[in-house]
Protein backbone atom coordinates (compact mmCIF):
# COMPACT_ATOMS: atom_id res chain seq x y z
CA UNK A 1 80.46 -56.36 -39.11
CA UNK A 2 80.05 -60.08 -39.69
CA UNK A 3 79.97 -62.77 -37.05
CA UNK A 4 82.78 -64.53 -38.92
CA UNK A 5 85.07 -61.54 -38.43
CA UNK A 6 84.11 -61.26 -34.77
CA UNK A 7 84.75 -64.91 -34.00
CA UNK A 8 88.51 -64.52 -33.65
CA UNK A 9 88.15 -61.63 -31.16
CA UNK A 10 86.05 -63.84 -28.92
CA UNK A 11 88.16 -66.96 -29.12
CA UNK A 12 89.86 -68.03 -25.91
CA UNK A 13 93.61 -67.50 -25.73
CA UNK A 14 96.27 -69.24 -23.65
CA UNK A 15 99.95 -68.54 -23.37
CA UNK A 16 102.34 -69.73 -20.68
CA UNK A 17 99.65 -70.39 -18.11
CA UNK A 18 97.72 -67.18 -18.83
CA UNK A 19 94.32 -68.42 -20.00
CA UNK A 20 91.96 -65.73 -21.28
CA UNK A 21 88.29 -66.07 -22.21
CA UNK A 22 88.76 -63.87 -25.30
CA UNK A 23 91.30 -61.67 -27.09
CA UNK A 24 90.30 -58.34 -25.51
CA UNK A 25 92.54 -56.44 -23.10
CA UNK A 26 91.86 -53.39 -20.98
CA UNK A 27 94.69 -50.96 -21.67
CA UNK A 28 96.39 -49.33 -18.65
CA UNK A 29 95.03 -45.83 -18.00
CA UNK A 30 96.10 -43.49 -15.21
CA UNK A 31 93.09 -42.29 -13.19
CA UNK A 32 94.44 -40.67 -9.96
CA UNK A 33 91.64 -42.26 -7.88
CA UNK A 34 93.91 -43.63 -5.13
CA UNK A 35 94.26 -41.22 -2.18
CA UNK A 36 97.52 -41.70 -0.25
CA UNK A 37 98.65 -43.95 -3.12
CA UNK A 38 96.45 -46.82 -1.90
CA UNK A 39 93.93 -48.48 -4.24
CA UNK A 40 90.55 -48.07 -2.57
CA UNK A 41 87.45 -50.29 -2.59
CA UNK A 42 86.14 -48.01 -5.33
CA UNK A 43 89.16 -48.93 -7.46
CA UNK A 44 88.35 -52.60 -6.89
CA UNK A 45 84.74 -51.96 -7.95
CA UNK A 46 85.96 -50.17 -11.09
CA UNK A 47 88.08 -53.11 -12.22
CA UNK A 48 85.46 -55.67 -11.19
CA UNK A 49 82.92 -54.01 -13.51
CA UNK A 50 85.27 -54.42 -16.46
CA UNK A 51 85.76 -58.09 -15.53
CA UNK A 52 81.98 -58.49 -15.36
CA UNK A 53 81.92 -56.99 -18.85
CA UNK A 54 84.04 -59.95 -20.01
CA UNK A 55 87.30 -58.17 -20.76
CA UNK A 56 89.78 -60.98 -21.34
CA UNK A 57 92.71 -59.40 -19.51
CA UNK A 58 92.75 -56.24 -17.41
CA UNK A 59 96.05 -54.35 -17.26
CA UNK A 60 95.88 -51.87 -14.41
CA UNK A 61 96.79 -48.23 -14.43
CA UNK A 62 100.46 -47.57 -13.84
CA UNK A 63 101.49 -48.62 -10.32
CA UNK A 64 104.69 -47.04 -9.06
CA UNK A 65 107.46 -49.20 -7.65
CA UNK A 66 109.27 -48.56 -4.37
CA UNK A 67 112.21 -46.52 -5.67
CA UNK A 68 112.13 -43.07 -4.07
CA UNK A 69 111.69 -41.23 -7.38
CA UNK A 70 109.34 -43.65 -9.14
CA UNK A 71 106.15 -41.63 -8.73
CA UNK A 72 105.23 -38.61 -10.82
CA UNK A 73 101.60 -37.93 -9.96
CA UNK A 74 99.44 -37.58 -6.89
CA UNK A 75 96.69 -40.11 -6.14
CA UNK A 76 98.17 -42.83 -8.33
CA UNK A 77 98.57 -46.24 -6.68
CA UNK A 78 101.79 -47.67 -5.30
CA UNK A 79 102.66 -51.35 -5.54
CA UNK A 80 104.67 -51.62 -2.35
CA UNK A 81 103.91 -51.32 1.35
CA UNK A 82 101.37 -53.27 3.38
CA UNK A 83 98.40 -50.92 2.82
CA UNK A 84 98.83 -50.60 -0.94
CA UNK A 85 99.38 -54.32 -1.40
CA UNK A 86 96.30 -55.06 0.73
CA UNK A 87 94.35 -52.72 -1.54
CA UNK A 88 95.61 -54.54 -4.61
CA UNK A 89 94.79 -57.88 -2.99
CA UNK A 90 91.17 -56.72 -2.79
CA UNK A 91 91.26 -55.64 -6.43
CA UNK A 92 92.62 -59.03 -7.52
CA UNK A 93 90.03 -60.90 -5.46
CA UNK A 94 87.14 -58.88 -6.92
CA UNK A 95 88.33 -59.35 -10.50
CA UNK A 96 88.81 -63.08 -9.99
CA UNK A 97 85.36 -63.43 -8.42
CA UNK A 98 83.95 -61.87 -11.59
CA UNK A 99 85.82 -64.38 -13.75
CA UNK A 100 88.51 -61.99 -14.96
CA UNK A 101 92.30 -61.98 -15.22
CA UNK A 102 94.43 -59.02 -14.18
CA UNK A 103 98.04 -57.80 -14.41
CA UNK A 104 99.53 -54.68 -12.78
CA UNK A 105 101.59 -52.27 -14.85
CA UNK A 106 104.89 -51.65 -13.05
CA UNK A 107 106.02 -48.05 -13.49
CA UNK A 108 108.85 -45.60 -12.88
CA UNK A 109 108.30 -42.17 -14.42
CA UNK A 110 111.95 -41.09 -14.59
CA UNK A 111 112.52 -37.49 -15.67
CA UNK A 112 108.78 -36.86 -16.03
CA UNK A 113 108.74 -36.42 -12.24
CA UNK A 114 108.55 -32.90 -10.80
CA UNK A 115 109.57 -31.71 -7.35
CA UNK A 116 106.67 -31.50 -4.94
CA UNK A 117 105.09 -34.85 -5.82
CA UNK A 118 104.79 -37.43 -3.03
CA UNK A 119 105.34 -39.60 -1.16
CA UNK A 120 108.65 -37.76 -0.57
CA UNK A 121 108.12 -34.43 -2.26
CA UNK A 122 111.79 -33.38 -1.89
CA UNK A 123 113.15 -36.11 -4.17
CA UNK A 124 114.26 -34.98 -7.65
CA UNK A 125 113.66 -36.87 -10.87
CA UNK A 126 116.06 -39.69 -11.72
CA UNK A 127 116.84 -40.55 -15.32
CA UNK A 128 119.68 -41.77 -17.56
CA UNK A 129 121.10 -38.31 -18.28
CA UNK A 130 119.01 -35.81 -16.31
CA UNK A 131 116.93 -34.92 -19.37
CA UNK A 132 113.16 -34.72 -19.70
CA UNK A 133 113.58 -34.39 -23.46
CA UNK A 134 116.39 -33.26 -25.74
CA UNK A 135 117.60 -29.88 -24.49
CA UNK A 136 115.36 -29.87 -21.39
CA UNK A 137 117.10 -30.76 -18.13
CA UNK A 138 115.27 -32.12 -15.10
CA UNK A 139 116.54 -33.93 -12.04
CA UNK A 140 119.70 -35.99 -11.81
CA UNK A 141 121.51 -38.56 -13.92
CA UNK A 142 121.48 -42.02 -12.37
CA UNK A 143 124.57 -43.66 -10.96
CA UNK A 144 125.24 -47.38 -11.26
CA UNK A 145 124.03 -47.71 -7.67
CA UNK A 146 120.79 -45.92 -8.60
CA UNK A 147 120.31 -48.27 -11.54
CA UNK A 148 120.79 -51.31 -9.33
CA UNK A 149 118.25 -49.97 -6.83
CA UNK A 150 115.63 -49.45 -9.54
CA UNK A 151 116.21 -52.90 -11.04
CA UNK A 152 115.78 -54.46 -7.59
CA UNK A 153 112.63 -52.41 -6.99
CA UNK A 154 111.05 -53.66 -10.23
CA UNK A 155 111.88 -57.25 -9.30
CA UNK A 156 110.38 -56.88 -5.83
CA UNK A 157 107.20 -55.37 -7.25
CA UNK A 158 106.84 -58.36 -9.57
CA UNK A 159 107.32 -60.79 -6.69
CA UNK A 160 104.72 -58.97 -4.60
CA UNK A 161 102.30 -58.95 -7.53
CA UNK A 162 102.68 -62.69 -8.00
CA UNK A 163 102.30 -63.31 -4.26
CA UNK A 164 98.97 -61.51 -3.99
CA UNK A 165 97.54 -63.37 -6.97
CA UNK A 166 97.97 -61.22 -10.07
CA UNK A 167 97.94 -63.34 -13.23
CA UNK A 168 100.90 -61.63 -14.93
CA UNK A 169 102.81 -58.35 -14.77
CA UNK A 170 103.42 -55.65 -17.35
CA UNK A 171 106.60 -53.57 -17.41
CA UNK A 172 105.97 -49.99 -18.55
CA UNK A 173 108.72 -49.38 -21.08
CA UNK A 174 106.86 -46.83 -23.21
CA UNK A 175 105.76 -43.21 -23.63
CA UNK A 176 108.89 -41.43 -22.48
CA UNK A 177 109.03 -42.76 -18.92
CA UNK A 178 112.20 -44.11 -17.29
CA UNK A 179 112.84 -47.32 -19.22
CA UNK A 180 111.95 -45.57 -22.47
CA UNK A 181 114.28 -42.70 -21.54
CA UNK A 182 117.15 -45.20 -21.50
CA UNK A 183 116.06 -46.66 -24.85
CA UNK A 184 115.67 -43.26 -26.56
CA UNK A 185 118.80 -41.55 -27.90
CA UNK A 186 117.16 -38.18 -27.28
CA UNK A 187 117.29 -38.63 -23.50
CA UNK A 188 120.14 -41.11 -23.10
CA UNK A 189 123.49 -39.37 -23.51
CA UNK A 190 125.43 -41.74 -21.29
CA UNK A 191 128.93 -42.90 -22.22
CA UNK A 192 129.02 -45.98 -20.00
CA UNK A 193 127.60 -49.47 -20.53
CA UNK A 194 124.03 -48.04 -20.51
CA UNK A 195 124.43 -45.53 -23.34
CA UNK A 196 125.59 -45.21 -26.92
CA UNK A 197 124.59 -48.11 -29.17
CA UNK A 198 121.07 -49.52 -29.22
CA UNK A 199 122.34 -52.61 -27.44
CA UNK A 200 123.82 -50.52 -24.64
CA UNK A 201 120.74 -48.29 -24.36
CA UNK A 202 118.62 -51.46 -24.00
CA UNK A 203 120.79 -52.83 -21.20
CA UNK A 204 118.71 -51.20 -18.44
CA UNK A 205 115.49 -52.74 -19.78
CA UNK A 206 117.22 -56.10 -20.23
CA UNK A 207 118.50 -56.09 -16.64
CA UNK A 208 115.00 -55.31 -15.33
CA UNK A 209 113.43 -58.11 -17.37
CA UNK A 210 116.11 -60.60 -16.35
CA UNK A 211 115.81 -59.65 -12.67
CA UNK A 212 112.03 -60.10 -12.78
CA UNK A 213 112.32 -63.42 -14.58
CA UNK A 214 114.78 -64.70 -11.98
CA UNK A 215 112.52 -63.48 -9.16
CA UNK A 216 109.17 -64.85 -10.41
CA UNK A 217 110.29 -68.01 -12.19
CA UNK A 218 109.86 -69.23 -15.74
CA UNK A 219 106.10 -69.84 -15.69
CA UNK A 220 104.88 -66.38 -14.63
CA UNK A 221 104.03 -64.21 -17.68
CA UNK A 222 105.95 -60.97 -18.29
CA UNK A 223 104.40 -58.39 -20.63
CA UNK A 224 106.55 -55.53 -21.92
CA UNK A 225 104.90 -52.35 -23.19
CA UNK A 226 106.94 -50.23 -25.57
CA UNK A 227 106.31 -47.41 -28.03
CA UNK A 228 108.05 -45.44 -30.72
CA UNK A 229 106.27 -42.18 -29.73
CA UNK A 230 106.94 -40.28 -26.53
CA UNK A 231 104.78 -37.85 -24.61
CA UNK A 232 107.71 -35.47 -25.13
CA UNK A 233 107.71 -36.03 -28.91
CA UNK A 234 104.95 -37.80 -30.81
CA UNK A 235 107.23 -38.23 -33.84
CA UNK A 236 110.14 -39.83 -31.95
CA UNK A 237 111.33 -43.29 -32.94
CA UNK A 238 113.41 -45.93 -31.23
CA UNK A 239 113.78 -47.77 -34.53
CA UNK A 240 113.84 -46.15 -37.96
CA UNK A 241 113.83 -49.47 -39.81
CA UNK A 242 112.52 -53.01 -39.31
CA UNK A 243 116.12 -54.13 -38.84
CA UNK A 244 116.64 -51.75 -35.92
CA UNK A 245 113.33 -52.83 -34.41
CA UNK A 246 114.35 -56.48 -34.76
CA UNK A 247 117.61 -55.79 -32.91
CA UNK A 248 115.79 -54.17 -29.99
CA UNK A 249 113.01 -56.75 -29.75
CA UNK A 250 115.46 -59.65 -29.89
CA UNK A 251 117.32 -58.27 -26.87
CA UNK A 252 114.09 -57.86 -24.90
CA UNK A 253 112.69 -61.21 -26.00
CA UNK A 254 115.86 -63.09 -25.07
CA UNK A 255 115.84 -61.41 -21.66
CA UNK A 256 112.49 -63.01 -20.85
CA UNK A 257 109.55 -61.10 -22.33
CA UNK A 258 106.58 -63.39 -22.99
CA UNK A 259 104.13 -60.91 -24.54
CA UNK A 260 104.83 -57.57 -26.22
CA UNK A 261 102.38 -54.66 -25.92
CA UNK A 262 103.08 -52.41 -28.89
CA UNK A 263 101.69 -48.97 -28.11
CA UNK A 264 100.66 -46.71 -30.97
CA UNK A 265 98.34 -43.73 -31.03
CA UNK A 266 96.35 -45.09 -34.00
CA UNK A 267 96.41 -48.84 -34.58
CA UNK A 268 95.56 -48.58 -38.30
CA UNK A 269 98.68 -46.61 -39.31
CA UNK A 270 101.57 -48.54 -40.89
CA UNK A 271 104.85 -48.44 -38.98
CA UNK A 272 107.30 -48.54 -41.89
CA UNK A 273 107.02 -47.64 -45.57
CA UNK A 274 106.28 -50.48 -47.95
CA UNK A 275 104.09 -52.48 -45.59
CA UNK A 276 100.63 -52.10 -44.05
CA UNK A 277 101.78 -53.73 -40.80
CA UNK A 278 101.39 -51.60 -37.70
CA UNK A 279 103.90 -51.71 -34.83
CA UNK A 280 102.21 -54.79 -33.34
CA UNK A 281 102.24 -56.50 -36.71
CA UNK A 282 105.95 -55.92 -37.15
CA UNK A 283 106.59 -57.07 -33.59
CA UNK A 284 104.74 -60.33 -34.25
CA UNK A 285 106.58 -60.85 -37.53
CA UNK A 286 110.00 -60.19 -36.02
CA UNK A 287 109.66 -62.10 -32.74
CA UNK A 288 106.88 -64.65 -33.33
CA UNK A 289 105.82 -63.97 -29.75
CA UNK A 290 102.31 -62.99 -28.63
CA UNK A 291 101.59 -59.30 -29.23
CA UNK A 292 98.92 -56.88 -28.02
CA UNK A 293 97.89 -54.08 -30.38
CA UNK A 294 96.53 -50.79 -29.06
CA UNK A 295 95.81 -47.27 -30.27
CA UNK A 296 92.42 -45.55 -30.42
CA UNK A 297 90.52 -48.84 -30.69
CA UNK A 298 86.82 -48.04 -30.55
CA UNK A 299 87.19 -44.28 -30.99
CA UNK A 300 86.07 -42.36 -34.04
CA UNK A 301 88.50 -40.27 -36.04
CA UNK A 302 86.94 -36.97 -34.95
CA UNK A 303 87.92 -37.67 -31.35
CA UNK A 304 91.55 -38.49 -32.02
CA UNK A 305 92.04 -35.81 -34.67
CA UNK A 306 94.77 -33.25 -34.01
CA UNK A 307 93.60 -30.03 -32.41
CA UNK A 308 90.45 -31.47 -30.86
CA UNK A 309 90.97 -30.06 -27.38
CA UNK A 310 87.40 -30.27 -26.10
CA UNK A 311 87.40 -34.10 -26.05
CA UNK A 312 84.32 -34.24 -28.24
CA UNK A 313 83.58 -37.28 -30.34
CA UNK A 314 82.09 -40.66 -29.73
CA UNK A 315 83.15 -44.19 -29.02
CA UNK A 316 81.76 -45.48 -32.28
CA UNK A 317 83.93 -48.37 -33.54
CA UNK A 318 84.33 -46.74 -36.97
CA UNK A 319 87.37 -48.79 -37.95
CA UNK A 320 86.53 -52.03 -36.16
CA UNK A 321 86.38 -53.99 -39.42
CA UNK A 322 89.94 -53.02 -40.22
CA UNK A 323 91.00 -54.12 -36.76
CA UNK A 324 89.26 -57.47 -37.14
CA UNK A 325 90.84 -58.04 -40.55
CA UNK A 326 94.30 -57.56 -39.05
CA UNK A 327 93.46 -59.87 -36.14
CA UNK A 328 92.14 -62.54 -38.49
CA UNK A 329 95.32 -62.19 -40.55
CA UNK A 330 97.26 -63.10 -37.37
CA UNK A 331 99.12 -59.78 -37.38
CA UNK A 332 98.70 -59.74 -33.58
CA UNK A 333 97.07 -61.87 -30.92
CA UNK A 334 95.28 -59.55 -28.50
CA UNK A 335 93.53 -56.18 -28.75
CA UNK A 336 93.75 -53.53 -26.03
CA UNK A 337 90.91 -51.07 -25.61
CA UNK A 338 91.53 -47.87 -23.65
CA UNK A 339 89.30 -44.82 -23.46
CA UNK A 340 86.27 -46.49 -25.04
CA UNK A 341 86.32 -49.12 -22.28
CA UNK A 342 87.05 -46.49 -19.67
CA UNK A 343 83.68 -44.92 -20.37
CA UNK A 344 81.65 -48.05 -21.09
CA UNK A 345 82.40 -51.18 -18.99
CA UNK A 346 80.07 -53.15 -21.28
CA UNK A 347 81.96 -52.27 -24.48
CA UNK A 348 83.05 -55.86 -25.06
CA UNK A 349 79.52 -57.19 -24.67
CA UNK A 350 78.12 -54.54 -27.02
CA UNK A 351 80.68 -55.32 -29.71
CA UNK A 352 80.05 -59.05 -29.31
CA UNK A 353 76.28 -58.58 -29.56
CA UNK A 354 76.64 -56.07 -32.43
CA UNK A 355 74.97 -53.30 -30.43
CA UNK A 356 77.45 -50.58 -31.35
CA UNK A 357 74.68 -47.98 -31.30
CA UNK A 358 74.35 -48.53 -27.54
CA UNK A 359 78.01 -47.80 -26.74
CA UNK A 360 78.39 -44.83 -24.40
CA UNK A 361 80.09 -41.78 -25.97
CA UNK A 362 83.51 -40.63 -24.84
CA UNK A 363 83.57 -36.92 -24.02
CA UNK A 364 84.09 -34.50 -21.13
CA UNK A 365 80.68 -35.24 -19.62
CA UNK A 366 81.40 -38.97 -19.66
CA UNK A 367 84.83 -38.44 -18.14
CA UNK A 368 83.36 -36.44 -15.28
CA UNK A 369 81.21 -39.39 -14.21
CA UNK A 370 83.59 -42.28 -14.71
CA UNK A 371 82.95 -45.35 -12.56
């Protein structure tokens, strides 16, 4: 790859008070390394190493808000309570000492939750219609009071994040979790003001964004992560056409989103027929707001191929030139790296210095020794 193509990736970037040293982002990745739901000193060390590796913006693993049914997994971190917030304060301090910027991902899993998961293992899943996916019931449908409680919990988490020094927050509205369950027709069968048309299905997300904006003020950046695909159905779509996508994004943008994080499984795939733009590219075109692209950045095609269950493959940036061409064409503003950066904290440095042959491989052995 040429230095000219790389230049844009390593330009500084500033938006609404969020000043980044380059265009790289660490994608949020669940790790279950937080016993008792409290981020430990080891978690702080983990994020500090990525900051030392000059990642422009770190977005943390999903952090569950204070609503009683928000959590779906053991050993994931909370973002409420004195101990958890003290743990996150240490994470923020370590990242800032290393010259990095960091945002927590605020998370409610919705109907993905199973009974027996803490902190209160007796609580059922809460979701728009009591559905994990079309035809698969789980938990209870949320009342208006439940919705209000969740909205308030998101807003409080954002306030706490700002108070302890995070540089922005990201709302997890993707991958078939609670907010996405409201957006998706497959799991939202409500006949009240939160179901039916796309505008009504988006109301829950809009109320969360508006509540956070009111709570944190106009200058604090709000990132919103969304996806077409769901863990329940890789082929699912919120929007079948650019026009439908524009309708959804306009609602979210007007509510107060500053930066969109358009999650795809493979960044190089076009989103709609007749255009090479991926989901991030369309989001940029339709909103003219800053957009993060993501989706197997830095992984070779063998790794992400269907049916590869042994997690073999490498972290060779086989399609990095295509990524850089899209970035230089201003199809998006920032690039999120996930699993490749999970394994190699120095990934950004090695790409910058054109030492791709030194990038650590991503496989089961590497996963077993993550740090």
